[in-house]
């Protein structure tokens, strides 16, 4: 878990270097893929919202990193591509880098 941060940049800065690298790479993909998305902090993690609301979020847990998708149908629509990944109802979990 990351201590409370005042901004997404502060949140990323508080991460261990290896975790920061991985999550910043995912952040770049989100910002590039979702034009006009707004990055904020909500629920203690970076969230990405458009005019319709929060689309996705990132999290760093003790044992894994997570990419949360607010529309569960998105993960269902990509189930084949996500085969082999550790997925929950609305998240994809990744092992923390060593």
C-alpha atoms as a PDB file:
ATOM      1  CA  UNK A   1       0.000   0.000   0.000  1.00  0.00           C
ATOM      2  CA  UNK A   2       1.099   3.524  -0.734  1.00  0.00           C
ATOM      3  CA  UNK A   3       0.746   6.213   1.939  1.00  0.00           C
ATOM      4  CA  UNK A   4      -1.779   8.964   1.304  1.00  0.00           C
ATOM      5  CA  UNK A   5      -0.648  11.203  -1.532  1.00  0.00           C
ATOM      6  CA  UNK A   6      -1.753  14.686  -2.527  1.00  0.00           C
ATOM      7  CA  UNK A   7      -1.602  14.049  -6.276  1.00  0.00           C
ATOM      8  CA  UNK A   8      -1.072  11.238  -8.777  1.00  0.00           C
ATOM      9  CA  UNK A   9       2.537  12.404  -9.238  1.00  0.00           C
ATOM     10  CA  UNK A  10       3.105  12.152  -5.464  1.00  0.00           C
ATOM     11  CA  UNK A  11       1.536   8.672  -5.473  1.00  0.00           C
ATOM     12  CA  UNK A  12       3.894   7.463  -8.210  1.00  0.00           C
ATOM     13  CA  UNK A  13       6.894   9.117  -6.521  1.00  0.00           C
ATOM     14  CA  UNK A  14       6.174   7.176  -3.298  1.00  0.00           C
ATOM     15  CA  UNK A  15       6.430   3.812  -5.073  1.00  0.00           C
ATOM     16  CA  UNK A  16       9.573   1.679  -4.921  1.00  0.00           C
ATOM     17  CA  UNK A  17      11.614   2.286  -8.111  1.00  0.00           C
ATOM     18  CA  UNK A  18      10.885  -1.090  -9.759  1.00  0.00           C
ATOM     19  CA  UNK A  19       7.139  -0.772  -9.110  1.00  0.00           C
ATOM     20  CA  UNK A  20       7.150   2.887 -10.193  1.00  0.00           C
ATOM     21  CA  UNK A  21       8.649   1.938 -13.565  1.00  0.00           C
ATOM     22  CA  UNK A  22       5.984  -0.695 -14.228  1.00  0.00           C
ATOM     23  CA  UNK A  23       3.012   1.425 -13.184  1.00  0.00           C
ATOM     24  CA  UNK A  24       4.273   4.526 -15.002  1.00  0.00           C
ATOM     25  CA  UNK A  25       4.444   2.422 -18.165  1.00  0.00           C
ATOM     26  CA  UNK A  26       0.815   1.368 -17.666  1.00  0.00           C
ATOM     27  CA  UNK A  27      -0.106   4.990 -16.896  1.00  0.00           C
ATOM     28  CA  UNK A  28       1.420   6.063 -20.226  1.00  0.00           C
ATOM     29  CA  UNK A  29      -0.643   3.451 -22.085  1.00  0.00           C
ATOM     30  CA  UNK A  30      -3.825   4.639 -20.375  1.00  0.00           C
ATOM     31  CA  UNK A  31      -3.151   8.304 -21.165  1.00  0.00           C
ATOM     32  CA  UNK A  32      -2.272   7.474 -24.785  1.00  0.00           C
ATOM     33  CA  UNK A  33      -5.189   5.085 -25.328  1.00  0.00           C
ATOM     34  CA  UNK A  34      -7.932   7.166 -23.718  1.00  0.00           C
ATOM     35  CA  UNK A  35      -7.754  10.661 -25.228  1.00  0.00           C
ATOM     36  CA  UNK A  36      -9.187  13.352 -22.979  1.00  0.00           C
ATOM     37  CA  UNK A  37      -9.057  11.180 -19.871  1.00  0.00           C
ATOM     38  CA  UNK A  38      -8.473  13.087 -16.633  1.00  0.00           C
ATOM     39  CA  UNK A  39      -6.085  11.666 -14.034  1.00  0.00           C
ATOM     40  CA  UNK A  40      -7.025  12.194 -10.384  1.00  0.00           C
ATOM     41  CA  UNK A  41      -6.619  10.461  -7.047  1.00  0.00           C
ATOM     42  CA  UNK A  42      -9.628   8.650  -5.636  1.00  0.00           C
ATOM     43  CA  UNK A  43      -9.820   5.844  -3.110  1.00  0.00           C
ATOM     44  CA  UNK A  44      -6.090   6.363  -2.502  1.00  0.00           C
ATOM     45  CA  UNK A  45      -5.063   5.437  -6.033  1.00  0.00           C
ATOM     46  CA  UNK A  46      -4.701   7.073  -9.453  1.00  0.00           C
ATOM     47  CA  UNK A  47      -7.991   7.017 -11.317  1.00  0.00           C
ATOM     48  CA  UNK A  48      -8.733   7.909 -14.919  1.00  0.00           C
ATOM     49  CA  UNK A  49     -12.063   9.502 -15.781  1.00  0.00           C
ATOM     50  CA  UNK A  50     -13.832  10.910 -18.805  1.00  0.00           C
ATOM     51  CA  UNK A  51     -17.114  12.816 -19.108  1.00  0.00           C
ATOM     52  CA  UNK A  52     -19.028   9.632 -18.178  1.00  0.00           C
ATOM     53  CA  UNK A  53     -17.098   8.896 -14.985  1.00  0.00           C
ATOM     54  CA  UNK A  54     -14.149   6.808 -13.819  1.00  0.00           C
ATOM     55  CA  UNK A  55     -12.936   4.410 -16.492  1.00  0.00           C
ATOM     56  CA  UNK A  56     -10.025   2.674 -14.753  1.00  0.00           C
ATOM     57  CA  UNK A  57      -7.586   2.890 -11.840  1.00  0.00           C
ATOM     58  CA  UNK A  58      -4.186   1.598 -10.741  1.00  0.00           C
ATOM     59  CA  UNK A  59      -3.142   0.139  -7.413  1.00  0.00           C
ATOM     60  CA  UNK A  60       0.030  -1.161  -5.782  1.00  0.00           C
ATOM     61  CA  UNK A  61      -0.675  -3.810  -3.171  1.00  0.00           C
ATOM     62  CA  UNK A  62       1.816  -5.660  -1.012  1.00  0.00           C
ATOM     63  CA  UNK A  63       1.903  -8.745  -3.249  1.00  0.00           C
ATOM     64  CA  UNK A  64       0.632  -7.502  -6.591  1.00  0.00           C
ATOM     65  CA  UNK A  65      -0.107  -4.547  -8.862  1.00  0.00           C
ATOM     66  CA  UNK A  66      -3.648  -4.071 -10.108  1.00  0.00           C
ATOM     67  CA  UNK A  67      -5.379  -2.480 -13.064  1.00  0.00           C
ATOM     68  CA  UNK A  68      -9.051  -1.877 -12.258  1.00  0.00           C
ATOM     69  CA  UNK A  69     -11.670  -1.485 -14.981  1.00  0.00           C
ATOM     70  CA  UNK A  70     -14.922   0.076 -13.842  1.00  0.00           C
ATOM     71  CA  UNK A  71     -17.013  -1.664 -16.521  1.00  0.00           C
ATOM     72  CA  UNK A  72     -16.836  -5.434 -15.916  1.00  0.00           C
ATOM     73  CA  UNK A  73     -18.038  -6.055 -19.473  1.00  0.00           C
ATOM     74  CA  UNK A  74     -14.712  -4.729 -20.770  1.00  0.00           C
ATOM     75  CA  UNK A  75     -12.861  -7.625 -19.149  1.00  0.00           C
ATOM     76  CA  UNK A  76     -15.490 -10.094 -20.366  1.00  0.00           C
ATOM     77  CA  UNK A  77     -15.173  -8.712 -23.905  1.00  0.00           C
ATOM     78  CA  UNK A  78     -11.403  -9.333 -23.761  1.00  0.00           C
ATOM     79  CA  UNK A  79     -11.477 -12.649 -21.902  1.00  0.00           C
ATOM     80  CA  UNK A  80      -9.604 -14.482 -24.648  1.00  0.00           C
ATOM     81  CA  UNK A  81      -6.765 -11.946 -24.720  1.00  0.00           C
ATOM     82  CA  UNK A  82      -6.597 -12.032 -20.908  1.00  0.00           C
ATOM     83  CA  UNK A  83      -6.420 -15.829 -20.702  1.00  0.00           C
ATOM     84  CA  UNK A  84      -3.592 -16.761 -18.354  1.00  0.00           C
ATOM     85  CA  UNK A  85      -3.702 -13.466 -16.443  1.00  0.00           C
ATOM     86  CA  UNK A  86      -4.875 -13.283 -12.835  1.00  0.00           C
ATOM     87  CA  UNK A  87      -8.233 -11.537 -13.274  1.00  0.00           C
ATOM     88  CA  UNK A  88     -10.961 -10.651 -10.824  1.00  0.00           C
ATOM     89  CA  UNK A  89     -14.429  -9.411 -11.722  1.00  0.00           C
ATOM     90  CA  UNK A  90     -13.135  -5.917 -12.508  1.00  0.00           C
ATOM     91  CA  UNK A  91      -9.351  -6.132 -12.248  1.00  0.00           C
ATOM     92  CA  UNK A  92      -6.219  -7.645 -13.688  1.00  0.00           C
ATOM     93  CA  UNK A  93      -3.543  -8.429 -11.105  1.00  0.00           C
ATOM     94  CA  UNK A  94       0.159  -8.568 -11.897  1.00  0.00           C
ATOM     95  CA  UNK A  95       2.988  -9.923  -9.765  1.00  0.00           C
ATOM     96  CA  UNK A  96       5.072  -7.210  -8.159  1.00  0.00           C
ATOM     97  CA  UNK A  97       8.450  -6.884  -9.843  1.00  0.00           C
ATOM     98  CA  UNK A  98      11.271  -8.296  -7.695  1.00  0.00           C
END
